[in-house]
Amino acid sequence: MIRPHPAREAFTREEWRIIQRHRTPEQVHRWLRSLPYNWERGGETLRSFREVVRRKTAHCLEAALAAAVILEQHGYPPLVVSFESQDGIDHVIYVFRRRGRWGSVARSRDAGLHGRKPVFRTIRDLVWSYFDPYVDFTGRINGYQRVDLRALGDYDWRLARRNMWKVEKFLLDIPHRKLRSSNRRYRRLLAQFQDYRRRHPTGPVVEIYSGRQHWM
């Protein structure tokens, strides 16, 4: 059973103001980037759009869910892509399609894992744009899957006041498509990252990556 998106009356005044002011993926992306990253210093969280608005902070999955709620009100389907990494530190992005091309809205601790402009022909092409900046000391994308959040049925992933661990389990349990890549490519990227971090121990890693013109 697909649960319809909430009506206007379901939102608070502040929530609806945010929805009305952010009508495009680009606007939603800027709003999410303006929020402090949720480092979960008090323990792990998985908050809904309602709690993101209330607490004014979000990590990657919370940002993807918030983007889905806002843009659903403007006619976009609530689609996300879940990445699997070899180190178990996965990533989730909100995805949208415009004029036949895919883009994304995303929040991350890493500069290269934020959103992408809608220039990618397929979801796989979009995922590939994340492969290089995903490689750090331990990370490597080895799988991905696009998910329609409406598949959660009656579960309230939009406005719940409690942590929504069912969403996390749902994304972990779905079968992921393998993303095949050469070990030679991975080793080159790993060495590049390690060398950069030796020279720049802190700060974002940006300039070593190509394709930055497609970053949101």
N, C-alpha and C. Protein backbone atom coordinates (compact mmCIF):
# COMPACT_ATOMS: atom_id res chain seq x y z
N MET A 1 0.84 -1.20 0.00
CA MET A 1 0.00 0.00 0.00
C MET A 1 0.88 1.25 0.00
N ILE A 2 0.64 2.14 -0.94
CA ILE A 2 1.40 3.39 -1.02
C ILE A 2 0.65 4.47 -0.26
N ARG A 3 1.32 5.04 0.71
CA ARG A 3 0.71 6.08 1.53
C ARG A 3 0.84 7.43 0.82
N PRO A 4 -0.25 8.18 0.64
CA PRO A 4 -0.15 9.48 -0.03
C PRO A 4 0.67 10.46 0.81
N HIS A 5 1.28 11.42 0.13
CA HIS A 5 2.08 12.39 0.87
C HIS A 5 1.17 13.27 1.73
N PRO A 6 1.68 13.81 2.82
CA PRO A 6 0.83 14.55 3.76
C PRO A 6 0.21 15.79 3.13
N ALA A 7 -0.97 16.14 3.61
CA ALA A 7 -1.62 17.38 3.19
C ALA A 7 -1.02 18.55 3.95
N ARG A 8 -1.34 19.74 3.50
CA ARG A 8 -0.83 20.98 4.13
C ARG A 8 -1.04 20.97 5.63
N GLU A 9 -2.18 20.48 6.07
CA GLU A 9 -2.55 20.54 7.48
C GLU A 9 -1.65 19.70 8.37
N ALA A 10 -0.91 18.76 7.79
CA ALA A 10 -0.06 17.89 8.59
C ALA A 10 1.21 18.59 9.07
N PHE A 11 1.56 19.73 8.44
CA PHE A 11 2.81 20.40 8.73
C PHE A 11 2.61 21.57 9.68
N THR A 12 3.64 21.86 10.44
CA THR A 12 3.63 23.06 11.27
C THR A 12 3.83 24.28 10.38
N ARG A 13 3.66 25.46 10.94
CA ARG A 13 3.84 26.69 10.18
C ARG A 13 5.28 26.81 9.67
N GLU A 14 6.25 26.49 10.54
CA GLU A 14 7.65 26.59 10.12
C GLU A 14 7.99 25.57 9.05
N GLU A 15 7.49 24.35 9.20
CA GLU A 15 7.73 23.32 8.19
C GLU A 15 7.18 23.74 6.83
N TRP A 16 5.96 24.26 6.83
CA TRP A 16 5.33 24.65 5.57
C TRP A 16 6.04 25.85 4.94
N ARG A 17 6.54 26.74 5.76
CA ARG A 17 7.30 27.88 5.25
C ARG A 17 8.55 27.39 4.52
N ILE A 18 9.24 26.41 5.09
CA ILE A 18 10.43 25.85 4.45
C ILE A 18 10.05 25.16 3.14
N ILE A 19 8.97 24.42 3.15
CA ILE A 19 8.52 23.74 1.94
C ILE A 19 8.20 24.74 0.84
N GLN A 20 7.51 25.80 1.18
CA GLN A 20 7.11 26.78 0.18
C GLN A 20 8.28 27.60 -0.35
N ARG A 21 9.30 27.79 0.46
CA ARG A 21 10.46 28.58 0.03
C ARG A 21 11.47 27.77 -0.77
N HIS A 22 11.35 26.46 -0.75
CA HIS A 22 12.33 25.60 -1.42
C HIS A 22 11.59 24.66 -2.37
N ARG A 23 11.44 25.13 -3.60
CA ARG A 23 10.62 24.43 -4.58
C ARG A 23 11.42 23.61 -5.58
N THR A 24 12.73 23.78 -5.60
CA THR A 24 13.57 23.05 -6.55
C THR A 24 14.64 22.26 -5.80
N PRO A 25 15.20 21.24 -6.43
CA PRO A 25 16.30 20.51 -5.77
C PRO A 25 17.47 21.42 -5.41
N GLU A 26 17.78 22.38 -6.27
CA GLU A 26 18.88 23.29 -5.97
C GLU A 26 18.62 24.11 -4.71
N GLN A 27 17.39 24.59 -4.56
CA GLN A 27 17.05 25.36 -3.36
C GLN A 27 17.09 24.50 -2.11
N VAL A 28 16.60 23.27 -2.22
CA VAL A 28 16.63 22.36 -1.08
C VAL A 28 18.08 22.03 -0.71
N HIS A 29 18.90 21.84 -1.72
CA HIS A 29 20.31 21.54 -1.48
C HIS A 29 20.99 22.68 -0.72
N ARG A 30 20.72 23.91 -1.12
CA ARG A 30 21.33 25.05 -0.43
C ARG A 30 20.84 25.14 1.01
N TRP A 31 19.57 24.86 1.24
CA TRP A 31 19.04 24.89 2.61
C TRP A 31 19.73 23.84 3.47
N LEU A 32 19.85 22.63 2.95
CA LEU A 32 20.48 21.56 3.73
C LEU A 32 21.95 21.87 3.99
N ARG A 33 22.64 22.47 3.02
CA ARG A 33 24.05 22.82 3.22
C ARG A 33 24.20 23.93 4.25
N SER A 34 23.15 24.71 4.46
CA SER A 34 23.22 25.79 5.45
C SER A 34 23.11 25.27 6.88
N LEU A 35 22.65 24.02 7.04
CA LEU A 35 22.50 23.44 8.38
C LEU A 35 23.82 22.81 8.84
N PRO A 36 24.13 22.91 10.12
CA PRO A 36 25.30 22.19 10.63
C PRO A 36 25.12 20.69 10.41
N TYR A 37 26.24 20.02 10.14
CA TYR A 37 26.18 18.56 9.98
C TYR A 37 25.90 17.90 11.32
N ASN A 38 25.06 16.88 11.31
CA ASN A 38 24.73 16.15 12.54
C ASN A 38 25.81 15.09 12.79
N TRP A 39 26.71 15.37 13.70
CA TRP A 39 27.80 14.45 14.01
C TRP A 39 27.38 13.37 15.02
N GLU A 40 26.12 13.40 15.47
CA GLU A 40 25.58 12.38 16.37
C GLU A 40 26.43 12.23 17.64
N ARG A 41 26.87 13.35 18.18
CA ARG A 41 27.75 13.30 19.34
C ARG A 41 27.06 12.76 20.58
N GLY A 42 25.74 12.87 20.63
CA GLY A 42 25.01 12.32 21.77
C GLY A 42 24.50 10.92 21.54
N GLY A 43 24.92 10.28 20.46
CA GLY A 43 24.43 8.96 20.10
C GLY A 43 23.81 8.97 18.71
N GLU A 44 23.70 7.82 18.10
CA GLU A 44 23.19 7.73 16.74
C GLU A 44 21.75 8.21 16.64
N THR A 45 21.44 8.85 15.50
CA THR A 45 20.09 9.34 15.27
C THR A 45 19.66 9.01 13.84
N LEU A 46 18.35 8.98 13.65
CA LEU A 46 17.78 8.92 12.30
C LEU A 46 16.46 9.68 12.36
N ARG A 47 16.56 10.98 12.05
CA ARG A 47 15.45 11.90 12.26
C ARG A 47 14.68 12.19 10.99
N SER A 48 13.42 12.46 11.18
CA SER A 48 12.53 12.83 10.09
C SER A 48 12.71 14.30 9.71
N PHE A 49 12.03 14.71 8.65
CA PHE A 49 12.01 16.12 8.26
C PHE A 49 11.58 16.99 9.43
N ARG A 50 10.58 16.56 10.16
CA ARG A 50 10.08 17.34 11.31
C ARG A 50 11.18 17.59 12.32
N GLU A 51 11.95 16.57 12.62
CA GLU A 51 13.01 16.71 13.61
C GLU A 51 14.22 17.47 13.06
N VAL A 52 14.47 17.34 11.77
CA VAL A 52 15.54 18.13 11.16
C VAL A 52 15.21 19.61 11.26
N VAL A 53 13.96 19.96 10.98
CA VAL A 53 13.55 21.37 11.09
C VAL A 53 13.65 21.84 12.53
N ARG A 54 13.23 21.00 13.45
CA ARG A 54 13.22 21.40 14.87
C ARG A 54 14.63 21.54 15.43
N ARG A 55 15.52 20.63 15.05
CA ARG A 55 16.87 20.63 15.62
C ARG A 55 17.89 21.37 14.76
N LYS A 56 17.51 21.63 13.50
CA LYS A 56 18.35 22.41 12.58
C LYS A 56 19.74 21.79 12.37
N THR A 57 19.76 20.50 12.15
CA THR A 57 20.98 19.77 11.84
C THR A 57 20.58 18.47 11.15
N ALA A 58 21.49 17.93 10.30
CA ALA A 58 21.16 16.70 9.58
C ALA A 58 22.43 15.98 9.13
N HIS A 59 22.40 14.65 9.17
CA HIS A 59 23.45 13.88 8.51
C HIS A 59 22.92 13.39 7.16
N CYS A 60 23.67 12.52 6.48
CA CYS A 60 23.35 12.24 5.07
C CYS A 60 21.97 11.63 4.88
N LEU A 61 21.60 10.62 5.64
CA LEU A 61 20.30 9.99 5.45
C LEU A 61 19.18 10.92 5.89
N GLU A 62 19.39 11.65 6.98
CA GLU A 62 18.37 12.62 7.42
C GLU A 62 18.16 13.69 6.35
N ALA A 63 19.22 14.13 5.71
CA ALA A 63 19.10 15.13 4.66
C ALA A 63 18.35 14.57 3.46
N ALA A 64 18.65 13.32 3.08
CA ALA A 64 17.96 12.70 1.94
C ALA A 64 16.46 12.58 2.22
N LEU A 65 16.10 12.19 3.43
CA LEU A 65 14.69 12.07 3.79
C LEU A 65 14.01 13.43 3.82
N ALA A 66 14.69 14.44 4.35
CA ALA A 66 14.12 15.79 4.38
C ALA A 66 13.90 16.31 2.97
N ALA A 67 14.86 16.09 2.08
CA ALA A 67 14.70 16.52 0.69
C ALA A 67 13.51 15.82 0.05
N ALA A 68 13.34 14.54 0.33
CA ALA A 68 12.22 13.79 -0.24
C ALA A 68 10.88 14.36 0.21
N VAL A 69 10.78 14.73 1.49
CA VAL A 69 9.53 15.29 2.01
C VAL A 69 9.22 16.64 1.35
N ILE A 70 10.22 17.51 1.28
CA ILE A 70 9.99 18.85 0.71
C ILE A 70 9.63 18.75 -0.77
N LEU A 71 10.41 18.02 -1.53
CA LEU A 71 10.21 18.00 -2.98
C LEU A 71 9.01 17.16 -3.40
N GLU A 72 8.59 16.24 -2.54
CA GLU A 72 7.34 15.51 -2.79
C GLU A 72 6.17 16.47 -2.87
N GLN A 73 6.21 17.52 -2.08
CA GLN A 73 5.14 18.52 -2.09
C GLN A 73 5.15 19.35 -3.38
N HIS A 74 6.22 19.27 -4.15
CA HIS A 74 6.32 20.01 -5.40
C HIS A 74 6.32 19.08 -6.62
N GLY A 75 5.85 17.85 -6.41
CA GLY A 75 5.63 16.94 -7.53
C GLY A 75 6.75 15.97 -7.83
N TYR A 76 7.82 15.96 -7.05
CA TYR A 76 8.91 15.02 -7.27
C TYR A 76 8.66 13.73 -6.49
N PRO A 77 8.88 12.56 -7.07
CA PRO A 77 8.72 11.32 -6.30
C PRO A 77 9.81 11.17 -5.25
N PRO A 78 9.50 10.54 -4.12
CA PRO A 78 10.48 10.41 -3.02
C PRO A 78 11.47 9.27 -3.28
N LEU A 79 12.47 9.54 -4.10
CA LEU A 79 13.45 8.53 -4.49
C LEU A 79 14.80 8.80 -3.84
N VAL A 80 15.43 7.76 -3.36
CA VAL A 80 16.79 7.87 -2.83
C VAL A 80 17.64 6.78 -3.46
N VAL A 81 18.94 6.97 -3.41
CA VAL A 81 19.89 5.93 -3.79
C VAL A 81 20.76 5.60 -2.60
N SER A 82 20.83 4.32 -2.28
CA SER A 82 21.65 3.82 -1.19
C SER A 82 22.95 3.27 -1.76
N PHE A 83 24.09 3.72 -1.20
CA PHE A 83 25.40 3.20 -1.59
C PHE A 83 25.86 2.18 -0.56
N GLU A 84 26.48 1.11 -1.02
CA GLU A 84 27.19 0.18 -0.13
C GLU A 84 28.69 0.41 -0.30
N SER A 85 29.40 0.44 0.83
CA SER A 85 30.84 0.62 0.81
C SER A 85 31.53 -0.58 1.42
N GLN A 86 32.74 -0.85 1.01
CA GLN A 86 33.48 -1.99 1.52
C GLN A 86 33.75 -1.89 3.02
N ASP A 87 33.75 -0.66 3.57
CA ASP A 87 34.02 -0.49 4.99
C ASP A 87 32.76 -0.40 5.84
N GLY A 88 31.59 -0.57 5.21
CA GLY A 88 30.34 -0.53 5.95
C GLY A 88 29.85 0.86 6.26
N ILE A 89 30.59 1.90 5.83
CA ILE A 89 30.14 3.28 6.03
C ILE A 89 29.41 3.70 4.76
N ASP A 90 28.11 3.48 4.75
CA ASP A 90 27.30 3.69 3.56
C ASP A 90 26.86 5.15 3.43
N HIS A 91 26.27 5.46 2.32
CA HIS A 91 25.84 6.83 2.03
C HIS A 91 24.48 6.76 1.35
N VAL A 92 23.63 7.76 1.58
CA VAL A 92 22.31 7.83 0.95
C VAL A 92 22.11 9.23 0.40
N ILE A 93 21.61 9.30 -0.84
CA ILE A 93 21.35 10.59 -1.49
C ILE A 93 19.92 10.60 -2.00
N TYR A 94 19.34 11.78 -2.08
CA TYR A 94 18.05 11.95 -2.74
C TYR A 94 18.32 12.16 -4.23
N VAL A 95 17.52 11.53 -5.10
CA VAL A 95 17.74 11.67 -6.54
C VAL A 95 16.49 12.20 -7.22
N PHE A 96 16.70 12.94 -8.29
CA PHE A 96 15.60 13.51 -9.06
C PHE A 96 15.95 13.49 -10.53
N ARG A 97 14.93 13.61 -11.36
CA ARG A 97 15.13 13.59 -12.81
C ARG A 97 14.56 14.86 -13.42
N ARG A 98 15.34 15.46 -14.32
CA ARG A 98 14.90 16.67 -15.00
C ARG A 98 15.31 16.58 -16.47
N ARG A 99 14.34 16.72 -17.35
CA ARG A 99 14.58 16.62 -18.79
C ARG A 99 15.38 15.36 -19.15
N GLY A 100 15.00 14.25 -18.50
CA GLY A 100 15.60 12.97 -18.81
C GLY A 100 16.95 12.71 -18.19
N ARG A 101 17.47 13.62 -17.38
CA ARG A 101 18.78 13.45 -16.74
C ARG A 101 18.64 13.43 -15.22
N TRP A 102 19.52 12.65 -14.60
CA TRP A 102 19.46 12.46 -13.15
C TRP A 102 20.43 13.39 -12.42
N GLY A 103 19.98 13.89 -11.28
CA GLY A 103 20.79 14.67 -10.37
C GLY A 103 20.51 14.24 -8.94
N SER A 104 21.14 14.89 -7.98
CA SER A 104 20.95 14.48 -6.59
C SER A 104 21.06 15.66 -5.63
N VAL A 105 20.46 15.46 -4.48
CA VAL A 105 20.59 16.36 -3.33
C VAL A 105 21.21 15.52 -2.22
N ALA A 106 22.27 16.02 -1.61
CA ALA A 106 22.96 15.20 -0.61
C ALA A 106 23.72 16.05 0.38
N ARG A 107 23.92 15.47 1.54
CA ARG A 107 24.69 16.10 2.62
C ARG A 107 25.72 15.08 3.07
N SER A 108 26.92 15.54 3.38
CA SER A 108 27.96 14.60 3.78
C SER A 108 29.03 15.31 4.59
N ARG A 109 29.82 14.51 5.29
CA ARG A 109 31.01 15.03 5.96
C ARG A 109 32.12 15.29 4.95
N ASP A 110 32.02 14.69 3.77
CA ASP A 110 33.06 14.79 2.75
C ASP A 110 32.60 15.69 1.61
N ALA A 111 33.48 16.60 1.20
CA ALA A 111 33.11 17.61 0.21
C ALA A 111 32.66 17.01 -1.12
N GLY A 112 33.23 15.87 -1.50
CA GLY A 112 32.90 15.30 -2.80
C GLY A 112 31.64 14.47 -2.84
N LEU A 113 30.95 14.33 -1.70
CA LEU A 113 29.78 13.45 -1.66
C LEU A 113 28.46 14.22 -1.51
N HIS A 114 28.50 15.53 -1.80
CA HIS A 114 27.26 16.30 -1.79
C HIS A 114 26.50 16.08 -3.09
N GLY A 115 25.58 16.99 -3.43
CA GLY A 115 24.69 16.77 -4.56
C GLY A 115 25.36 16.90 -5.91
N ARG A 116 24.61 16.51 -6.95
CA ARG A 116 25.06 16.58 -8.33
C ARG A 116 24.02 17.28 -9.19
N LYS A 117 24.48 18.01 -10.18
CA LYS A 117 23.59 18.64 -11.15
C LYS A 117 22.91 17.55 -12.00
N PRO A 118 21.71 17.84 -12.53
CA PRO A 118 21.00 16.82 -13.32
C PRO A 118 21.58 16.71 -14.74
N VAL A 119 22.70 16.03 -14.85
CA VAL A 119 23.38 15.87 -16.14
C VAL A 119 23.66 14.41 -16.47
N PHE A 120 23.24 13.48 -15.63
CA PHE A 120 23.62 12.08 -15.79
C PHE A 120 22.51 11.28 -16.46
N ARG A 121 22.90 10.50 -17.46
CA ARG A 121 21.93 9.78 -18.29
C ARG A 121 21.24 8.66 -17.51
N THR A 122 21.97 7.99 -16.63
CA THR A 122 21.42 6.88 -15.86
C THR A 122 21.80 7.02 -14.39
N ILE A 123 21.11 6.26 -13.54
CA ILE A 123 21.47 6.23 -12.12
C ILE A 123 22.89 5.70 -11.95
N ARG A 124 23.27 4.73 -12.75
CA ARG A 124 24.63 4.19 -12.65
C ARG A 124 25.66 5.27 -12.96
N ASP A 125 25.40 6.08 -13.97
CA ASP A 125 26.32 7.18 -14.28
C ASP A 125 26.42 8.16 -13.11
N LEU A 126 25.28 8.44 -12.49
CA LEU A 126 25.27 9.32 -11.33
C LEU A 126 26.10 8.72 -10.19
N VAL A 127 25.89 7.45 -9.93
CA VAL A 127 26.66 6.78 -8.87
C VAL A 127 28.15 6.82 -9.17
N TRP A 128 28.53 6.63 -10.43
CA TRP A 128 29.95 6.66 -10.79
C TRP A 128 30.60 8.00 -10.48
N SER A 129 29.80 9.07 -10.51
CA SER A 129 30.37 10.39 -10.21
C SER A 129 30.80 10.49 -8.74
N TYR A 130 30.34 9.55 -7.92
CA TYR A 130 30.71 9.53 -6.50
C TYR A 130 31.87 8.57 -6.22
N PHE A 131 32.24 7.75 -7.20
CA PHE A 131 33.22 6.70 -6.91
C PHE A 131 34.56 7.26 -6.46
N ASP A 132 35.12 8.20 -7.22
CA ASP A 132 36.45 8.73 -6.89
C ASP A 132 36.48 9.41 -5.52
N PRO A 133 35.56 10.37 -5.25
CA PRO A 133 35.63 11.04 -3.94
C PRO A 133 35.19 10.16 -2.77
N TYR A 134 34.64 8.98 -3.05
CA TYR A 134 34.28 8.07 -1.96
C TYR A 134 35.51 7.36 -1.39
N VAL A 135 36.54 7.27 -2.22
CA VAL A 135 37.74 6.57 -1.77
C VAL A 135 38.50 7.43 -0.77
N ASP A 136 38.57 6.94 0.46
CA ASP A 136 39.42 7.57 1.48
C ASP A 136 40.31 6.46 2.05
N PHE A 137 40.64 6.51 3.31
CA PHE A 137 41.50 5.47 3.86
C PHE A 137 40.85 4.10 3.83
N THR A 138 39.52 4.04 3.88
CA THR A 138 38.83 2.74 3.95
C THR A 138 37.69 2.59 2.95
N GLY A 139 37.17 3.67 2.39
CA GLY A 139 35.93 3.61 1.63
C GLY A 139 36.11 3.22 0.16
N ARG A 140 35.13 2.51 -0.35
CA ARG A 140 35.05 2.16 -1.77
C ARG A 140 33.63 1.70 -2.07
N ILE A 141 32.97 2.35 -3.01
CA ILE A 141 31.60 1.94 -3.37
C ILE A 141 31.65 0.60 -4.08
N ASN A 142 30.88 -0.35 -3.58
CA ASN A 142 30.80 -1.64 -4.26
C ASN A 142 29.37 -2.03 -4.63
N GLY A 143 28.39 -1.18 -4.30
CA GLY A 143 27.01 -1.47 -4.68
C GLY A 143 26.12 -0.27 -4.49
N TYR A 144 24.96 -0.31 -5.16
CA TYR A 144 24.01 0.80 -5.06
C TYR A 144 22.61 0.29 -5.40
N GLN A 145 21.60 1.03 -4.98
CA GLN A 145 20.23 0.72 -5.34
C GLN A 145 19.35 1.96 -5.22
N ARG A 146 18.50 2.16 -6.21
CA ARG A 146 17.51 3.22 -6.14
C ARG A 146 16.28 2.70 -5.41
N VAL A 147 15.70 3.52 -4.54
CA VAL A 147 14.58 3.09 -3.71
C VAL A 147 13.50 4.16 -3.72
N ASP A 148 12.26 3.75 -3.91
CA ASP A 148 11.11 4.63 -3.74
C ASP A 148 10.65 4.48 -2.29
N LEU A 149 10.75 5.55 -1.52
CA LEU A 149 10.42 5.49 -0.09
C LEU A 149 8.97 5.16 0.17
N ARG A 150 8.12 5.30 -0.83
CA ARG A 150 6.72 4.93 -0.65
C ARG A 150 6.55 3.43 -0.47
N ALA A 151 7.60 2.67 -0.75
CA ALA A 151 7.57 1.23 -0.52
C ALA A 151 7.50 0.91 0.97
N LEU A 152 7.76 1.89 1.83
CA LEU A 152 7.64 1.70 3.27
C LEU A 152 6.20 1.66 3.74
N GLY A 153 5.27 1.93 2.82
CA GLY A 153 3.85 1.81 3.14
C GLY A 153 3.38 2.78 4.20
N ASP A 154 2.74 2.28 5.25
CA ASP A 154 2.16 3.13 6.29
C ASP A 154 3.19 3.66 7.28
N TYR A 155 4.43 3.21 7.18
CA TYR A 155 5.43 3.68 8.15
C TYR A 155 5.69 5.17 7.94
N ASP A 156 5.69 5.92 9.03
CA ASP A 156 5.82 7.37 8.93
C ASP A 156 7.29 7.78 8.92
N TRP A 157 7.88 7.84 7.73
CA TRP A 157 9.27 8.28 7.58
C TRP A 157 9.35 9.79 7.33
N ARG A 158 8.21 10.44 7.23
CA ARG A 158 8.19 11.86 6.89
C ARG A 158 8.19 12.78 8.12
N LEU A 159 7.35 12.46 9.11
CA LEU A 159 7.13 13.41 10.20
C LEU A 159 7.25 12.78 11.60
N ALA A 160 7.82 11.61 11.69
CA ALA A 160 7.91 10.92 12.98
C ALA A 160 8.74 11.73 13.97
N ARG A 161 8.40 11.63 15.24
CA ARG A 161 9.15 12.32 16.29
C ARG A 161 10.26 11.45 16.87
N ARG A 162 10.21 10.16 16.62
CA ARG A 162 11.22 9.25 17.15
C ARG A 162 12.21 8.86 16.04
N ASN A 163 13.35 8.32 16.46
CA ASN A 163 14.32 7.80 15.50
C ASN A 163 13.68 6.69 14.66
N MET A 164 13.98 6.70 13.37
CA MET A 164 13.29 5.82 12.43
C MET A 164 14.22 4.70 11.97
N TRP A 165 14.54 3.80 12.87
CA TRP A 165 15.50 2.74 12.56
C TRP A 165 14.97 1.79 11.50
N LYS A 166 13.66 1.73 11.34
CA LYS A 166 13.09 0.86 10.30
C LYS A 166 13.56 1.30 8.91
N VAL A 167 13.73 2.61 8.70
CA VAL A 167 14.20 3.10 7.41
C VAL A 167 15.62 2.61 7.15
N GLU A 168 16.48 2.71 8.16
CA GLU A 168 17.86 2.24 8.02
C GLU A 168 17.90 0.75 7.69
N LYS A 169 17.12 -0.04 8.43
CA LYS A 169 17.09 -1.49 8.19
C LYS A 169 16.58 -1.80 6.79
N PHE A 170 15.55 -1.07 6.36
CA PHE A 170 14.97 -1.25 5.03
C PHE A 170 16.04 -1.02 3.96
N LEU A 171 16.83 0.03 4.10
CA LEU A 171 17.85 0.35 3.11
C LEU A 171 19.02 -0.64 3.16
N LEU A 172 19.33 -1.14 4.34
CA LEU A 172 20.41 -2.12 4.46
C LEU A 172 20.01 -3.48 3.89
N ASP A 173 18.72 -3.81 4.01
CA ASP A 173 18.26 -5.15 3.62
C ASP A 173 17.97 -5.30 2.14
N ILE A 174 17.70 -4.21 1.43
CA ILE A 174 17.34 -4.34 0.02
C ILE A 174 18.56 -4.82 -0.77
N PRO A 175 18.32 -5.65 -1.79
CA PRO A 175 19.45 -6.07 -2.64
C PRO A 175 20.05 -4.87 -3.37
N HIS A 176 21.36 -4.78 -3.39
CA HIS A 176 22.07 -3.71 -4.08
C HIS A 176 22.70 -4.24 -5.37
N ARG A 177 22.70 -3.41 -6.39
CA ARG A 177 23.39 -3.74 -7.63
C ARG A 177 24.89 -3.60 -7.42
N LYS A 178 25.65 -4.52 -7.97
CA LYS A 178 27.10 -4.44 -7.86
C LYS A 178 27.63 -3.31 -8.75
N LEU A 179 28.57 -2.57 -8.23
CA LEU A 179 29.27 -1.56 -9.03
C LEU A 179 30.70 -2.07 -9.22
N ARG A 180 30.97 -2.60 -10.38
CA ARG A 180 32.27 -3.22 -10.64
C ARG A 180 33.28 -2.14 -11.00
N SER A 181 34.44 -2.24 -10.41
CA SER A 181 35.52 -1.29 -10.69
C SER A 181 36.84 -2.04 -10.58
N SER A 182 37.85 -1.55 -11.27
CA SER A 182 39.15 -2.24 -11.28
C SER A 182 39.90 -1.96 -9.99
N ASN A 183 40.61 -2.96 -9.52
CA ASN A 183 41.45 -2.77 -8.34
C ASN A 183 42.59 -1.80 -8.63
N ARG A 184 43.04 -1.79 -9.86
CA ARG A 184 44.11 -0.85 -10.23
C ARG A 184 43.64 0.58 -10.07
N ARG A 185 42.42 0.86 -10.52
CA ARG A 185 41.86 2.21 -10.37
C ARG A 185 41.73 2.56 -8.89
N TYR A 186 41.21 1.62 -8.11
CA TYR A 186 41.03 1.88 -6.68
C TYR A 186 42.37 2.17 -6.00
N ARG A 187 43.38 1.38 -6.29
CA ARG A 187 44.69 1.58 -5.65
C ARG A 187 45.28 2.94 -6.03
N ARG A 188 45.07 3.36 -7.26
CA ARG A 188 45.56 4.68 -7.69
C ARG A 188 44.87 5.79 -6.91
N LEU A 189 43.54 5.68 -6.77
CA LEU A 189 42.78 6.69 -6.03
C LEU A 189 43.14 6.70 -4.55
N LEU A 190 43.36 5.51 -3.99
CA LEU A 190 43.74 5.41 -2.58
C LEU A 190 45.09 6.07 -2.35
N ALA A 191 46.06 5.80 -3.22
CA ALA A 191 47.38 6.41 -3.09
C ALA A 191 47.29 7.92 -3.24
N GLN A 192 46.44 8.38 -4.15
CA GLN A 192 46.25 9.83 -4.34
C GLN A 192 45.68 10.47 -3.09
N PHE A 193 44.69 9.82 -2.49
CA PHE A 193 44.10 10.35 -1.26
C PHE A 193 45.10 10.36 -0.12
N GLN A 194 45.83 9.27 0.05
CA GLN A 194 46.80 9.18 1.14
C GLN A 194 47.89 10.24 1.01
N ASP A 195 48.34 10.45 -0.23
CA ASP A 195 49.35 11.47 -0.46
C ASP A 195 48.82 12.87 -0.13
N TYR A 196 47.58 13.13 -0.52
CA TYR A 196 47.00 14.45 -0.24
C TYR A 196 46.87 14.66 1.26
N ARG A 197 46.44 13.64 1.98
CA ARG A 197 46.26 13.77 3.42
C ARG A 197 47.60 13.91 4.16
N ARG A 198 48.66 13.36 3.61
CA ARG A 198 49.97 13.57 4.23
C ARG A 198 50.37 15.05 4.13
N ARG A 199 50.02 15.66 3.01
CA ARG A 199 50.38 17.06 2.79
C ARG A 199 49.37 18.02 3.40
N HIS A 200 48.12 17.58 3.53
CA HIS A 200 47.04 18.42 4.07
C HIS A 200 46.24 17.57 5.07
N PRO A 201 46.69 17.48 6.30
CA PRO A 201 46.05 16.59 7.28
C PRO A 201 44.61 16.95 7.60
N THR A 202 44.24 18.21 7.44
CA THR A 202 42.87 18.64 7.76
C THR A 202 42.27 19.40 6.58
N GLY A 203 40.98 19.65 6.68
CA GLY A 203 40.30 20.40 5.63
C GLY A 203 39.69 19.51 4.58
N PRO A 204 38.80 20.07 3.76
CA PRO A 204 38.11 19.27 2.73
C PRO A 204 39.05 18.85 1.62
N VAL A 205 38.75 17.69 1.03
CA VAL A 205 39.50 17.19 -0.11
C VAL A 205 38.65 17.48 -1.35
N VAL A 206 39.12 18.38 -2.19
CA VAL A 206 38.32 18.80 -3.35
C VAL A 206 39.12 18.78 -4.64
N GLU A 207 40.25 19.49 -4.65
CA GLU A 207 40.92 19.80 -5.93
C GLU A 207 41.52 18.59 -6.62
N ILE A 208 41.66 17.45 -5.96
CA ILE A 208 42.26 16.29 -6.62
C ILE A 208 41.27 15.55 -7.51
N TYR A 209 39.98 15.95 -7.48
CA TYR A 209 38.96 15.21 -8.24
C TYR A 209 38.58 15.92 -9.52
N SER A 210 38.35 15.14 -10.57
CA SER A 210 37.81 15.68 -11.81
C SER A 210 36.28 15.65 -11.74
N GLY A 211 35.63 16.30 -12.70
CA GLY A 211 34.17 16.28 -12.75
C GLY A 211 33.50 17.21 -11.77
N ARG A 212 34.27 18.13 -11.16
CA ARG A 212 33.68 19.00 -10.15
C ARG A 212 32.65 19.98 -10.75
N GLN A 213 32.70 20.17 -12.06
CA GLN A 213 31.73 21.05 -12.69
C GLN A 213 30.31 20.50 -12.61
N HIS A 214 30.19 19.21 -12.28
CA HIS A 214 28.88 18.59 -12.15
C HIS A 214 28.39 18.52 -10.71
N TRP A 215 29.22 18.98 -9.77
CA TRP A 215 28.78 19.00 -8.38
C TRP A 215 27.76 20.10 -8.19
N MET A 216 26.79 19.87 -7.34
CA MET A 216 25.72 20.82 -7.10
C MET A 216 26.29 22.08 -6.45
